[in-house]
Amino acid sequence: MNLNRMMQKYGIVTSLRQAHLFGQIAAETGRWRTMVEGGNDEYFRKYEPLTDQGVKLGNFERGDGKRYKGRGLIQLTGRDSYTKYGNFRGCNFIGDDNAALLQVDGYATCDASGYYWPSKQKYTFDKNKKLLPSGELGINYWADIGSSMQNAAEVTKRINPALNHFYVRWQCFNHAMYVLGDAADILADFDTIEENN
């Protein structure tokens, strides 16, 4: 129910948009197994204040790296993202207990990810190495372009610029397209999604 509410709220209403969403969620959650970024204390030091990533994420207090780790179906990460989403919702997601709501409260887990979807912009560099927006704001713009591997890669870059786990995202996108009924045939390179017990 929360996932359906999120898709309606953020305009993820066509089977193409939904297939792109499901492909991304499958990779981000380890195929629906976890709603929180995994790692030990050492791993989360990369998000601490004064690190490159920590500065980009708006983390400024010691412990923010672990406190504001990725949470949700598409994981919000960093103090800035938690603050902006909280402002949008009129809620407080700052602090250990409140931050954890993004992984344990079903509505917040889904809605935070829906909030992320229309907020992502692609950027390019101009000749002076200044970042400029490229294309429309929001992942729906990129999802609507099509169902090719390149289209799926463009959607992925809005969520994970390094294309980590792209194979999983691509296979799960194809599976979703087939299940949702918009793909009459399974692609020749499609791998069956196996259940791991």
Protein backbone atom coordinates (compact mmCIF):
# COMPACT_ATOMS: atom_id res chain seq x y z
CA MET A 1 0.00 0.00 0.00
CA ASN A 2 2.77 2.49 0.91
CA LEU A 3 4.61 1.78 -2.33
CA ASN A 4 1.45 2.35 -4.38
CA ARG A 5 0.74 5.61 -2.53
CA MET A 6 4.29 6.76 -3.20
CA MET A 7 4.09 6.00 -6.93
CA GLN A 8 0.82 7.91 -7.26
CA LYS A 9 2.09 10.87 -5.24
CA TYR A 10 5.27 11.31 -7.30
CA GLY A 11 3.86 10.53 -10.75
CA ILE A 12 5.49 7.14 -11.20
CA VAL A 13 2.33 5.93 -12.89
CA THR A 14 3.29 4.37 -16.22
CA SER A 15 4.61 0.85 -16.50
CA LEU A 16 7.87 2.22 -17.98
CA ARG A 17 8.44 4.55 -15.01
CA GLN A 18 7.50 1.78 -12.58
CA ALA A 19 9.84 -0.71 -14.23
CA HIS A 20 12.71 1.77 -13.94
CA LEU A 21 11.78 2.36 -10.29
CA PHE A 22 11.62 -1.37 -9.50
CA GLY A 23 14.97 -1.98 -11.18
CA GLN A 24 16.57 0.71 -9.03
CA ILE A 25 14.87 -0.36 -5.81
CA ALA A 26 15.92 -3.98 -6.35
CA ALA A 27 19.58 -2.97 -6.44
CA GLU A 28 19.37 -0.35 -3.68
CA THR A 29 17.71 -2.74 -1.21
CA GLY A 30 19.58 -5.92 -2.09
CA ARG A 31 16.42 -7.20 -3.78
CA TRP A 32 14.08 -5.95 -1.05
CA ARG A 33 16.12 -7.33 1.85
CA THR A 34 17.23 -4.15 3.61
CA MET A 35 16.17 -0.54 3.83
CA VAL A 36 19.48 0.72 5.21
CA GLU A 37 22.97 1.10 3.79
CA GLY A 38 25.23 -1.65 5.09
CA GLY A 39 28.70 -1.16 6.46
CA ASN A 40 30.73 -0.97 9.62
CA ASP A 41 31.95 2.16 11.41
CA GLU A 42 35.04 2.31 9.20
CA TYR A 43 32.89 2.28 6.04
CA PHE A 44 30.81 5.25 7.21
CA ARG A 45 33.88 7.39 7.91
CA LYS A 46 33.76 8.38 4.24
CA TYR A 47 30.63 10.41 5.09
CA GLU A 48 32.09 12.15 8.13
CA PRO A 49 32.51 15.96 8.29
CA LEU A 50 35.50 17.36 6.39
CA THR A 51 35.64 14.40 3.98
CA ASP A 52 34.71 15.13 0.36
CA GLN A 53 31.52 13.07 0.61
CA GLY A 54 30.67 14.38 4.07
CA VAL A 55 30.87 17.98 2.85
CA LYS A 56 28.66 17.19 -0.18
CA LEU A 57 26.12 15.52 2.12
CA GLY A 58 26.03 18.43 4.57
CA ASN A 59 27.36 16.36 7.46
CA PHE A 60 28.94 18.67 10.04
CA GLU A 61 28.78 16.87 13.40
CA ARG A 62 31.00 13.98 14.37
CA GLY A 63 29.02 10.77 13.88
CA ASP A 64 26.86 12.19 11.06
CA GLY A 65 28.34 9.68 8.60
CA LYS A 66 26.79 6.72 10.37
CA ARG A 67 23.78 8.64 11.73
CA TYR A 68 22.66 9.80 8.25
CA LYS A 69 23.66 6.74 6.25
CA GLY A 70 21.49 5.73 3.33
CA ARG A 71 17.95 4.74 4.29
CA GLY A 72 14.80 3.98 2.32
CA LEU A 73 14.01 2.10 -0.87
CA ILE A 74 16.21 4.54 -2.77
CA GLN A 75 18.41 5.60 0.03
CA LEU A 76 18.49 9.19 1.20
CA THR A 77 21.99 9.88 2.52
CA GLY A 78 23.41 12.76 4.55
CA ARG A 79 22.18 15.40 6.95
CA ASP A 80 21.13 17.76 4.12
CA SER A 81 18.88 15.13 2.50
CA TYR A 82 17.32 14.16 5.82
CA THR A 83 16.72 17.85 6.63
CA LYS A 84 15.22 18.69 3.23
CA TYR A 85 12.94 15.66 3.29
CA GLY A 86 11.88 16.53 6.84
CA ASN A 87 11.10 20.10 5.78
CA PHE A 88 9.08 18.79 2.85
CA ARG A 89 7.07 16.48 5.12
CA GLY A 90 6.86 18.85 8.09
CA CYS A 91 8.61 16.21 10.19
CA ASN A 92 11.94 15.91 11.95
CA PHE A 93 14.34 13.22 10.75
CA ILE A 94 17.38 14.69 12.52
CA GLY A 95 18.89 12.71 15.41
CA ASP A 96 19.49 9.00 15.82
CA ASP A 97 15.93 7.91 16.63
CA ASN A 98 14.26 10.16 14.07
CA ALA A 99 16.73 9.24 11.32
CA ALA A 100 16.00 5.55 11.88
CA LEU A 101 12.35 6.16 10.92
CA LEU A 102 13.41 6.16 7.27
CA GLN A 103 14.18 2.47 7.56
CA VAL A 104 11.51 1.24 9.99
CA ASP A 105 8.38 3.30 9.25
CA GLY A 106 6.81 1.86 6.08
CA TYR A 107 5.33 5.13 4.89
CA ALA A 108 8.52 7.14 5.48
CA THR A 109 10.66 4.42 3.86
CA CYS A 110 8.64 4.54 0.65
CA ASP A 111 7.83 8.25 0.63
CA ALA A 112 11.43 9.37 1.17
CA SER A 113 12.35 7.39 -1.93
CA GLY A 114 9.50 8.92 -3.90
CA TYR A 115 10.65 12.37 -2.78
CA TYR A 116 14.13 11.56 -4.11
CA TRP A 117 12.79 10.53 -7.55
CA PRO A 118 11.64 13.98 -8.81
CA SER A 119 14.50 15.85 -7.13
CA LYS A 120 17.46 14.48 -9.09
CA GLN A 121 19.04 16.50 -11.86
CA LYS A 122 21.66 15.51 -14.41
CA TYR A 123 24.56 17.94 -14.71
CA THR A 124 27.25 18.51 -17.30
CA PHE A 125 30.32 20.73 -17.28
CA ASP A 126 30.59 23.75 -19.54
CA LYS A 127 33.89 24.92 -21.07
CA ASN A 128 34.74 26.75 -17.82
CA LYS A 129 34.13 23.55 -15.81
CA LYS A 130 30.99 24.99 -14.26
CA LEU A 131 28.17 22.52 -13.58
CA LEU A 132 25.07 23.13 -15.68
CA PRO A 133 21.73 21.31 -15.51
CA SER A 134 21.14 18.93 -18.41
CA GLY A 135 17.64 17.77 -19.23
CA GLU A 136 14.57 18.13 -17.11
CA LEU A 137 14.55 17.88 -13.34
CA GLY A 138 13.48 14.48 -12.07
CA ILE A 139 14.02 10.85 -12.89
CA ASN A 140 10.63 10.52 -14.61
CA TYR A 141 12.09 12.58 -17.47
CA TRP A 142 14.89 10.05 -17.94
CA ALA A 143 12.61 7.04 -17.42
CA ASP A 144 10.18 8.27 -20.09
CA ILE A 145 12.87 8.28 -22.77
CA GLY A 146 12.79 4.52 -23.15
CA SER A 147 13.61 0.99 -22.19
CA SER A 148 17.05 0.42 -23.72
CA MET A 149 20.12 -0.44 -21.69
CA GLN A 150 21.36 3.13 -22.27
CA ASN A 151 18.06 4.51 -20.94
CA ALA A 152 18.38 2.34 -17.83
CA ALA A 153 21.96 3.55 -17.40
CA GLU A 154 20.81 7.20 -17.54
CA VAL A 155 18.19 6.51 -14.86
CA THR A 156 20.83 4.72 -12.78
CA LYS A 157 23.23 7.68 -13.03
CA ARG A 158 20.65 9.88 -11.28
CA ILE A 159 20.75 7.46 -8.34
CA ASN A 160 24.23 5.97 -8.51
CA PRO A 161 26.57 7.92 -10.82
CA ALA A 162 29.18 5.15 -10.65
CA LEU A 163 26.65 2.64 -12.06
CA ASN A 164 27.30 0.26 -9.15
CA HIS A 165 25.32 -2.98 -9.46
CA PHE A 166 24.07 -1.93 -12.89
CA TYR A 167 23.68 -5.54 -14.00
CA VAL A 168 21.16 -6.13 -11.18
CA ARG A 169 19.34 -2.88 -12.01
CA TRP A 170 19.15 -3.79 -15.71
CA GLN A 171 17.97 -7.37 -15.13
CA CYS A 172 15.35 -6.30 -12.58
CA PHE A 173 14.16 -3.51 -14.89
CA ASN A 174 13.69 -6.09 -17.67
CA HIS A 175 11.89 -8.44 -15.31
CA ALA A 176 9.55 -5.62 -14.22
CA MET A 177 8.86 -4.61 -17.84
CA TYR A 178 7.89 -8.18 -18.62
CA VAL A 179 5.74 -8.63 -15.49
CA LEU A 180 3.99 -5.28 -15.97
CA GLY A 181 3.02 -6.41 -19.45
CA ASP A 182 4.81 -3.87 -21.61
CA ALA A 183 7.44 -6.30 -22.86
CA ALA A 184 5.93 -9.07 -24.95
CA ASP A 185 9.20 -10.99 -25.17
CA ILE A 186 12.02 -11.54 -22.74
CA LEU A 187 15.33 -10.20 -24.02
CA ALA A 188 17.85 -12.77 -25.21
CA ASP A 189 20.34 -11.73 -22.50
CA PHE A 190 17.75 -11.88 -19.70
CA ASP A 191 18.77 -13.84 -16.62
CA THR A 192 16.11 -15.36 -14.41
CA ILE A 193 16.04 -13.80 -10.96
CA GLU A 194 16.86 -16.62 -8.59
CA GLU A 195 15.72 -16.68 -4.98
CA ASN A 196 18.51 -17.08 -2.44
CA ASN A 197 17.45 -18.86 0.72
